[in-house]
Structure formats: structure tokens, C-alpha cells
Protein backbone atom coordinates (compact mmCIF):
# COMPACT_ATOMS: atom_id res chain seq x y z
CA MET A 1 9.78 35.20 -4.13
CA THR A 2 10.96 34.50 -7.65
CA THR A 3 14.41 35.44 -8.86
CA GLU A 4 15.41 35.98 -12.45
CA ASP A 5 16.20 32.31 -12.95
CA THR A 6 14.33 30.20 -10.35
CA TRP A 7 10.95 29.50 -8.77
CA PRO A 8 11.60 28.69 -5.08
CA ILE A 9 9.29 26.23 -3.32
CA GLY A 10 9.28 25.06 0.28
CA VAL A 11 9.22 21.34 1.11
CA VAL A 12 8.34 20.70 4.75
CA MET A 13 8.36 16.92 5.10
CA SER A 14 9.89 14.76 7.81
CA GLU A 15 12.72 12.32 7.29
CA THR A 16 12.93 11.57 11.02
CA GLY A 17 10.42 10.92 13.79
CA VAL A 18 7.36 8.70 13.97
CA THR A 19 6.23 9.35 10.37
CA GLY A 20 9.73 9.78 8.95
CA MET A 21 9.65 6.57 6.92
CA ILE A 22 6.45 7.34 5.02
CA GLU A 23 7.36 11.01 4.56
CA LYS A 24 10.75 10.06 3.11
CA THR A 25 8.86 8.53 0.21
CA GLN A 26 7.08 11.86 -0.27
CA VAL A 27 10.33 13.84 -0.13
CA GLU A 28 11.89 11.61 -2.79
CA ALA A 29 8.79 11.90 -4.97
CA VAL A 30 9.04 15.69 -4.80
CA ARG A 31 12.73 15.47 -5.75
CA LEU A 32 11.84 13.27 -8.71
CA ALA A 33 9.11 15.62 -9.97
CA VAL A 34 11.37 18.66 -9.60
CA ALA A 35 14.16 16.88 -11.49
CA GLU A 36 11.78 15.94 -14.32
CA ILE A 37 10.43 19.47 -14.63
CA ASN A 38 13.87 21.06 -14.55
CA ALA A 39 15.24 18.55 -17.07
CA ALA A 40 12.45 19.61 -19.43
CA GLY A 41 13.51 23.26 -19.17
CA GLY A 42 11.77 24.29 -15.97
CA VAL A 43 8.76 26.59 -16.08
CA ARG A 44 8.94 29.55 -18.45
CA GLY A 45 12.69 29.05 -18.59
CA ARG A 46 13.15 29.09 -14.80
CA ARG A 47 14.15 26.08 -12.74
CA LEU A 48 12.22 25.01 -9.67
CA ALA A 49 14.40 25.59 -6.61
CA PRO A 50 13.19 23.52 -3.63
CA VAL A 51 14.19 24.46 -0.10
CA TYR A 52 13.87 21.41 2.19
CA ARG A 53 13.12 21.30 5.90
CA ASP A 54 12.83 18.26 8.21
CA PRO A 55 10.28 18.99 10.97
CA ALA A 56 10.93 15.60 12.64
CA SER A 57 7.23 14.64 12.76
CA THR A 58 6.65 17.45 15.29
CA PRO A 59 3.68 19.80 14.67
CA ARG A 60 5.31 22.89 16.20
CA LEU A 61 8.32 22.47 13.91
CA TYR A 62 6.10 22.27 10.81
CA ARG A 63 4.55 25.51 11.97
CA SER A 64 7.82 27.35 12.64
CA GLN A 65 9.53 26.08 9.49
CA VAL A 66 6.65 27.15 7.26
CA LEU A 67 6.72 30.60 8.84
CA GLU A 68 10.48 30.82 8.33
CA LEU A 69 10.27 29.82 4.67
CA CYS A 70 7.41 32.17 3.84
CA ARG A 71 8.31 35.18 5.96
CA ASP A 72 12.10 35.09 5.91
CA HIS A 73 12.71 33.59 2.46
CA GLY A 74 9.69 34.95 0.60
CA ILE A 75 8.55 31.50 -0.54
CA LYS A 76 4.96 31.50 -1.75
CA VAL A 77 4.29 27.79 -2.28
CA ILE A 78 4.74 25.00 0.28
CA PHE A 79 4.55 21.23 -0.18
CA GLY A 80 4.21 19.35 3.06
CA GLY A 81 2.49 17.80 6.00
CA HIS A 82 1.46 14.24 6.73
CA MET A 83 -0.46 13.83 9.97
CA SER A 84 -3.53 16.07 10.22
CA SER A 85 -2.04 17.64 13.33
CA THR A 86 0.85 18.88 11.17
CA ARG A 87 -1.49 20.25 8.50
CA LYS A 88 -3.45 22.13 11.14
CA ALA A 89 -0.20 23.51 12.56
CA MET A 90 0.95 24.78 9.15
CA LEU A 91 -2.26 26.24 7.75
CA PRO A 92 -2.47 29.35 9.97
CA MET A 93 1.07 30.30 8.97
CA VAL A 94 0.38 29.70 5.28
CA GLU A 95 -2.79 31.77 5.46
CA ALA A 96 -1.14 34.58 7.43
CA GLN A 97 1.64 34.82 4.82
CA ASN A 98 -0.85 34.69 1.90
CA ALA A 99 0.92 31.60 0.59
CA LEU A 100 -0.38 28.36 -0.92
CA MET A 101 0.17 24.85 0.45
CA PHE A 102 -0.14 21.47 -1.27
CA TYR A 103 -1.10 18.77 1.26
CA PRO A 104 -0.36 15.37 -0.36
CA THR A 105 -1.82 12.96 2.18
CA LEU A 106 -5.21 11.35 2.70
CA TYR A 107 -7.12 12.92 5.57
CA GLU A 108 -10.41 12.98 7.45
CA GLY A 109 -12.14 15.65 5.38
CA PHE A 110 -14.47 18.38 6.66
CA GLU A 111 -12.04 21.20 5.94
CA TYR A 112 -11.55 23.95 3.37
CA SER A 113 -8.95 26.66 3.03
CA ARG A 114 -8.38 28.91 0.04
CA HIS A 115 -4.69 28.52 0.84
CA CYS A 116 -4.56 24.70 0.72
CA ILE A 117 -4.74 22.25 -2.18
CA TYR A 118 -5.68 18.81 -0.86
CA THR A 119 -4.19 16.19 -3.18
CA GLY A 120 -4.66 13.19 -0.90
CA ALA A 121 -7.95 11.31 -0.76
CA ALA A 122 -11.01 12.78 0.95
CA PRO A 123 -13.36 10.41 2.85
CA ASN A 124 -15.68 9.77 -0.09
CA GLN A 125 -12.62 8.73 -2.14
CA ASN A 126 -11.23 6.25 0.41
CA SER A 127 -13.58 5.53 3.31
CA VAL A 128 -16.70 5.00 1.20
CA PRO A 129 -15.26 2.42 -1.24
CA LEU A 130 -13.46 0.68 1.63
CA VAL A 131 -16.64 0.35 3.70
CA ASP A 132 -18.58 -0.82 0.64
CA TYR A 133 -16.04 -3.58 0.04
CA LEU A 134 -15.80 -4.65 3.69
CA TYR A 135 -19.55 -4.74 4.24
CA ALA A 136 -20.18 -6.70 1.05
CA THR A 137 -17.41 -9.27 1.42
CA VAL A 138 -16.04 -9.46 4.98
CA GLY A 139 -18.73 -9.04 7.64
CA ARG A 140 -21.06 -6.85 9.63
CA ARG A 141 -19.22 -6.33 12.92
CA LEU A 142 -16.46 -3.71 13.01
CA LEU A 143 -13.83 -2.78 15.62
CA LEU A 144 -12.28 0.71 15.39
CA ILE A 145 -8.71 1.28 16.61
CA GLY A 146 -6.48 4.29 16.15
CA SER A 147 -3.68 6.57 17.29
CA ASP A 148 -4.60 9.31 19.72
CA TYR A 149 -4.90 12.42 17.56
CA VAL A 150 -7.31 14.14 15.19
CA TYR A 151 -7.21 12.02 12.02
CA PRO A 152 -7.99 8.68 13.71
CA TYR A 153 -10.87 10.16 15.74
CA GLU A 154 -12.49 11.73 12.70
CA SER A 155 -11.78 8.92 10.26
CA ASN A 156 -13.10 6.32 12.69
CA ARG A 157 -16.24 8.40 13.23
CA ILE A 158 -16.83 8.53 9.49
CA VAL A 159 -16.14 4.84 8.87
CA GLY A 160 -18.28 3.86 11.87
CA ASP A 161 -21.20 5.98 10.65
CA LEU A 162 -20.87 4.60 7.11
CA PHE A 163 -20.79 1.04 8.43
CA ARG A 164 -23.88 1.57 10.59
CA SER A 165 -25.73 3.24 7.71
CA ARG A 166 -25.36 0.00 5.75
CA GLY A 167 -26.72 -2.09 8.60
CA GLY A 168 -23.48 -3.01 10.30
CA GLU A 169 -22.43 -2.74 13.94
CA VAL A 170 -19.47 -1.08 15.64
CA ALA A 171 -18.27 -3.46 18.34
CA ASP A 172 -16.03 -0.94 20.13
CA GLU A 173 -13.54 1.91 19.64
CA ILE A 174 -10.12 2.44 21.22
CA TYR A 175 -7.19 4.89 20.90
CA VAL A 176 -3.54 4.42 21.84
CA PRO A 177 -0.50 6.75 21.88
CA LEU A 178 1.51 7.43 18.75
CA ASP A 179 4.48 5.98 20.61
CA LEU A 180 2.93 2.51 20.66
CA ARG A 181 4.39 0.26 23.34
CA ALA A 182 3.90 -3.33 24.44
CA GLU A 183 1.21 -2.50 26.99
CA HIS A 184 -0.79 -0.60 24.38
CA VAL A 185 -0.56 -3.49 21.93
CA ALA A 186 -1.72 -5.86 24.68
CA ARG A 187 -4.80 -3.69 25.26
CA LEU A 188 -5.64 -3.82 21.55
CA LEU A 189 -5.29 -7.60 21.40
CA ASP A 190 -7.39 -8.08 24.53
CA LEU A 191 -10.16 -5.94 23.05
CA ILE A 192 -10.10 -7.95 19.83
CA ARG A 193 -10.55 -11.15 21.81
CA GLU A 194 -13.36 -9.63 23.88
CA THR A 195 -15.38 -8.08 21.04
CA ARG A 196 -14.85 -10.77 18.36
CA PRO A 197 -15.28 -8.46 15.33
CA ASP A 198 -15.49 -9.54 11.69
CA VAL A 199 -13.05 -6.82 10.63
CA ILE A 200 -10.76 -4.25 12.26
CA TYR A 201 -10.46 -0.73 10.89
CA SER A 202 -7.06 0.66 11.88
CA THR A 203 -6.05 4.31 11.89
CA LEU A 204 -2.77 3.64 13.64
CA VAL A 205 0.02 5.72 12.09
CA GLY A 206 3.78 5.74 12.11
CA ASP A 207 6.06 3.08 13.55
CA GLY A 208 3.27 1.58 15.66
CA ILE A 209 1.66 0.10 12.54
CA VAL A 210 4.40 -2.51 12.19
CA ARG A 211 4.34 -3.39 15.90
CA PHE A 212 0.59 -3.96 15.90
CA TYR A 213 0.42 -6.06 12.74
CA GLU A 214 3.28 -8.28 13.92
CA ALA A 215 1.69 -8.73 17.35
CA PHE A 216 -1.66 -9.50 15.69
CA ARG A 217 -0.07 -12.33 13.71
CA GLU A 218 1.91 -13.63 16.69
CA ALA A 219 -1.35 -13.77 18.67
CA GLY A 220 -2.67 -16.26 16.13
CA PHE A 221 -5.27 -14.16 14.33
CA ASP A 222 -5.89 -15.12 10.71
CA PRO A 223 -6.50 -12.31 8.16
CA ALA A 224 -8.56 -14.72 6.06
CA GLU A 225 -11.09 -14.71 8.92
CA LEU A 226 -10.35 -11.36 10.61
CA PRO A 227 -8.59 -8.84 8.33
CA ILE A 228 -7.23 -5.47 9.36
CA ALA A 229 -8.44 -2.77 6.96
CA SER A 230 -6.65 0.55 6.79
CA GLN A 231 -6.02 3.70 4.82
CA SER A 232 -2.97 4.70 6.88
CA THR A 233 -1.05 1.44 6.34
CA SER A 234 1.12 1.57 3.23
CA GLU A 235 3.82 -0.27 1.32
CA VAL A 236 6.48 1.38 3.48
CA ASP A 237 4.98 -0.34 6.54
CA VAL A 238 4.50 -3.70 4.82
CA VAL A 239 8.16 -4.02 3.77
CA ARG A 240 9.23 -3.45 7.38
CA MET A 241 7.05 -6.27 8.72
CA LYS A 242 8.24 -9.84 9.31
CA PRO A 243 7.47 -12.16 6.38
CA GLY A 244 3.88 -13.37 6.38
CA THR A 245 2.63 -10.57 8.61
CA ALA A 246 0.73 -8.43 6.09
CA GLU A 247 -0.55 -11.10 3.71
CA GLY A 248 -4.32 -10.87 3.20
CA HIS A 249 -4.98 -7.59 5.02
CA VAL A 250 -6.86 -4.78 3.25
CA ILE A 251 -5.79 -1.25 2.33
CA ALA A 252 -7.45 1.60 0.45
CA ALA A 253 -5.66 4.24 -1.62
CA PRO A 254 -5.80 5.88 -5.06
CA PHE A 255 -2.41 4.41 -5.99
CA PHE A 256 -0.61 1.14 -5.37
CA ASP A 257 2.88 0.19 -6.44
CA SER A 258 1.36 -2.78 -8.25
CA LEU A 259 -0.96 -0.68 -10.44
CA ASP A 260 -0.34 -1.94 -13.98
CA THR A 261 -0.76 1.06 -16.29
CA PRO A 262 1.85 2.80 -18.47
CA ALA A 263 1.85 5.93 -16.26
CA ALA A 264 2.13 3.90 -13.06
CA ARG A 265 4.90 1.67 -14.43
CA GLY A 266 6.84 4.68 -15.68
CA PHE A 267 6.57 6.42 -12.31
CA ALA A 268 7.62 3.28 -10.44
CA GLU A 269 10.66 2.78 -12.67
CA ALA A 270 11.73 6.43 -12.37
CA PHE A 271 11.25 6.42 -8.59
CA ARG A 272 13.30 3.27 -8.14
CA ALA A 273 16.04 4.61 -10.38
CA ALA A 274 16.14 7.88 -8.44
CA THR A 275 16.24 6.21 -5.02
CA GLY A 276 18.33 3.18 -5.89
CA GLY A 277 15.40 0.94 -5.03
CA THR A 278 15.80 1.65 -1.32
CA LEU A 279 12.26 2.93 -0.74
CA PRO A 280 8.86 1.44 -1.59
CA LEU A 281 6.33 3.54 -3.44
CA THR A 282 3.28 4.78 -1.53
CA ALA A 283 0.07 6.64 -2.30
CA PRO A 284 1.28 9.72 -0.34
CA ALA A 285 4.45 9.69 -2.48
CA GLU A 286 2.39 9.56 -5.67
CA ALA A 287 0.26 12.47 -4.41
CA ALA A 288 3.38 14.49 -3.62
CA TYR A 289 4.75 13.72 -7.08
CA PHE A 290 1.71 14.81 -9.04
CA SER A 291 1.23 17.85 -6.77
CA VAL A 292 4.51 19.29 -8.05
CA HIS A 293 3.53 18.58 -11.65
CA LEU A 294 0.10 20.20 -11.16
CA TYR A 295 1.83 23.22 -9.65
CA ALA A 296 4.25 23.46 -12.59
CA ARG A 297 1.43 23.32 -15.14
CA ALA A 298 -0.52 25.99 -13.30
CA LEU A 299 2.60 28.12 -12.94
CA ALA A 300 3.25 27.91 -16.68
CA LEU A 301 -0.29 29.13 -17.29
CA ALA A 302 -0.25 31.86 -14.62
CA GLY A 303 3.31 33.11 -15.07
CA ASP A 304 3.31 34.06 -11.37
CA ASP A 305 3.57 32.02 -8.16
CA GLY A 306 1.44 34.39 -6.10
CA ILE A 307 -1.79 32.83 -4.91
CA ASP A 308 -4.05 35.32 -6.68
CA ARG A 309 -2.70 34.25 -10.08
CA LEU A 310 -1.68 30.66 -9.32
CA LEU A 311 -4.90 29.44 -7.71
CA PRO A 312 -7.23 30.24 -10.64
CA ALA A 313 -4.73 28.60 -13.00
CA LEU A 314 -4.78 25.41 -10.91
CA TYR A 315 -8.48 25.01 -11.66
CA GLU A 316 -7.76 25.03 -15.40
CA VAL A 317 -5.02 22.38 -15.63
CA GLU A 318 -4.94 18.60 -15.49
CA TYR A 319 -2.11 16.10 -15.10
CA ASP A 320 -1.90 12.46 -16.17
CA ALA A 321 -0.81 11.15 -12.77
CA PRO A 322 0.33 7.56 -12.15
CA GLN A 323 -3.09 6.75 -10.65
CA GLY A 324 -4.92 8.34 -13.64
CA PRO A 325 -5.66 11.90 -14.81
CA VAL A 326 -6.21 14.29 -11.88
CA ARG A 327 -7.38 17.85 -11.48
CA VAL A 328 -8.29 20.28 -8.69
CA ASP A 329 -11.92 21.08 -7.94
CA ARG A 330 -12.55 24.85 -7.80
CA LEU A 331 -15.38 24.53 -5.27
CA THR A 332 -13.45 22.57 -2.65
CA ASN A 333 -9.69 22.80 -3.46
CA HIS A 334 -9.64 18.99 -3.28
CA THR A 335 -8.62 16.73 -6.14
CA HIS A 336 -10.52 14.39 -8.44
CA LEU A 337 -8.93 10.98 -7.76
CA TRP A 338 -9.15 7.24 -8.53
CA PRO A 339 -10.00 5.38 -5.28
CA ARG A 340 -9.00 1.73 -5.05
CA VAL A 341 -9.10 -1.08 -2.49
CA ALA A 342 -6.56 -3.91 -2.41
CA ARG A 343 -5.69 -7.09 -0.55
CA ILE A 344 -2.02 -7.17 0.38
CA ARG A 345 0.02 -9.90 -1.29
CA GLU A 346 3.60 -10.27 -0.12
CA GLY A 347 6.24 -10.67 -2.79
CA LYS A 348 3.83 -10.10 -5.65
CA PRO A 349 1.41 -7.40 -6.88
CA TYR A 350 -1.39 -6.48 -4.50
CA GLU A 351 -4.79 -7.85 -5.50
CA ILE A 352 -6.87 -4.80 -6.42
CA VAL A 353 -10.41 -5.80 -5.41
CA SER A 354 -12.14 -2.47 -6.06
CA ASN A 355 -11.11 -0.34 -9.04
CA PRO A 356 -13.06 2.69 -10.33
CA LEU A 357 -14.06 2.94 -13.95
CA ARG A 358 -13.73 6.71 -13.75
CA ARG A 359 -12.23 9.19 -11.33
CA VAL A 360 -14.30 10.29 -8.36
CA PRO A 361 -14.89 13.98 -7.60
CA PRO A 362 -14.10 15.13 -4.06
CA ASP A 363 -16.92 15.40 -1.51
CA PRO A 364 -14.92 16.36 1.61
CA TYR A 365 -18.04 17.12 3.67
CA LEU A 366 -19.82 13.93 2.53
CA ILE A 367 -22.79 16.02 1.42
CA ASP A 368 -23.92 13.62 -1.29
CA ILE A 369 -23.48 10.63 1.01
CA ALA A 370 -25.46 12.36 3.77
CA ASP A 371 -28.24 13.03 1.28
CA GLY A 372 -28.35 9.34 0.43
CA GLU A 373 -26.67 9.79 -2.94
CA GLU A 374 -23.19 9.11 -4.17
CA ALA A 375 -21.56 11.78 -6.30
CA ALA A 376 -21.58 10.94 -9.99
CA PRO A 377 -18.10 9.88 -11.15
CA ASP A 378 -16.16 12.86 -12.45
CA ALA A 379 -19.16 15.14 -12.03
CA VAL A 380 -18.19 18.65 -13.10
CA PRO A 381 -19.56 21.54 -11.02
CA ALA A 382 -21.53 24.14 -12.91
CA LEU A 383 -18.88 26.77 -12.19
CA PHE A 384 -16.05 24.76 -13.71
């Protein structure tokens, strides 16, 4: 609930556990956005007052902490979640408390809730451009690997279907525990040798990403001939890898630290100043950052943080995010974004190999793709 001088918000993001490293970048991006908004006078003269919780990458803790913040503290707006299992744990609590949640992480799509604003990329904004690039430039034979939970299963299904629809072949599909150990890595390497793919699509998440990429290199595989492509690998994983490990692999995201635009450079400089340069920038961090700014703009318009006033206002505002101008789609509650694909270059800016001329509207159910059409860039629904 609001007080006379603040707008409280809940921030449920892990700083410990299997996704603690990537979520730390999101926490710091929220802190930066809040600091910028408050330094500019807050919203309608009231400061944003974040209340932070660390759910330790554990779905049941996301669920209980959201309930505590909304029910016991009267907070109406939550920023949080990373893995899809954590989003699915939080949403029932957010809905039951008639609150609103900003989910700032790419995900597998095929979901809608009036109580959730999806500011990470939907499949048509990440998976489609990634598959287009891989099929056109890398090869026709794909191996799918992933962590054993909902996002990898669904994302691999989508990428596999997209690859087949273009004439490609899925060589095999395998899932391993989030707590990736040596025996699991050995299974992945054996399958790569057996299936001999042209490209690997990885939906591994958390600490296991680093272990797999390092083992892949140690096994003698060359990314120039067999790249790993991923949406879940980020700059925070790359900086933790041994030198030479990540060079040449492929990632897809709306934002990269190396994006050379005034908004992106300004964000990168502010983030590094705020964190002392101890954390790399990531696409989930950028999404968390602009989520807070979108919220503040909508709050200024609505004058109320209750969902019935705030949600309609969100459909009317836009923010010049580091990736490019973004806005929320009223039909889907997803965000119009700027999908990009890049080759990782260590020690220098990533090579952006696919860059949109205009932002891409969300199509979380892949309706236009299923109909054999791609959504027109920045198409505006008739109701907007």
C-alpha cells in the first residue's frame, strides 16, 4: 500500500542458489532504476521504496515471499522471477492478492495473465531470429540439450519445430539436472559424438552452463565447426569461463553489453558505476531496469499503484530502453522488443550478426508463425 511519501514495491530476486549470479545483475539493475527515479523526484513527489527478498533460486520461497509481501505488507507491485518454475510459483499468489508482477526474463511463451507484465523476450522475439540465423549460416542438423524443468522442455520444443519447419533435422534431445555434475556432462559429450550435429541448442541454466562449455572445449570441439547456440547463456556466464571457452558461440537476446547506441552506452556506464564494475551486464538485467522505468511512467499517469488503474496506464506509456524504445502490448501483456543474435567475442564487443531494423511485437503463442506469416515489425493492434 502507498504511504504519504513512498510507493513500496517488492523485489523477489535471488542472490544465492543456482541462478544467483544472473539474478544479481537483475537486482542491481532494479536498484539503479529506483535510484534514478528517486533522484529525479520520485513519482508524483513520492519515492519508490523497494523491499528486497532473496528466494535462493527455490520456487517455494518465491511463492511464500510474494505472498508475504503482498498480504502482510500490502505491496501491490512485484518485480521478480527468473526460471519459469519460479514465475509459475509466484503467479497464483500475485493473482490471489490482486497484485501486478513484472517478469523480466526471457521465457518459453504460451502464457497470459492479467496480473503479469512479461518484459523478457517471447519465442518469436528470440527463438525465431536465432533459428533463422542458424539455419541460414551454420547447418541443418540440430541437437537439443537442456536442464530438467519447464523452460528447457518448452523452448526446445519450439526451436525444434521451427528448425524442422525450415527443412532441418533434430538429431536428438536430452535433459540433465540443474545441479550439473561430471557424469551428466559426460552424457552430453557422448551424445554429441554419437549424433554429430551441425549446431547445439542449449537451454542449460545456472551454474551448469559454465561447466558444460568448459568441458565442451576441453573435449576438443571447435565452435567454428560446431557452435553452441543459446538464449539462456549470458555475459555473466561468459566471464566465469576459462579464457577461450566461449569464443565463437552464439547467443540471442534483445540487449548485449556491446550494443553501441547512446542509450545502451549510458546504461552500461551507470550500471558499472553503481556496481563498481563487479558485475557484467545481461539482457535480464536490462529488462529488469526498463521494467521499473515503465512502471514509474505508468504510475505517474495513473496516480495509483492498484492494478485496475496501473494496468491501463501501462498500455499508454513507452520508455527509451537501452535496447531501443519499448512498450507493453495490451492484448498480450508482453513487450515490444528488439531481438538480436550475436557471436561471442572474448575481450571485445560481441559480433551482432542479426539486428532488427525495427522493434518486434510480441507473439507469445506463435500464432503468426503457425499461420506461415511473421508478424509485421511493430505492428499495432487495432485496440491500441
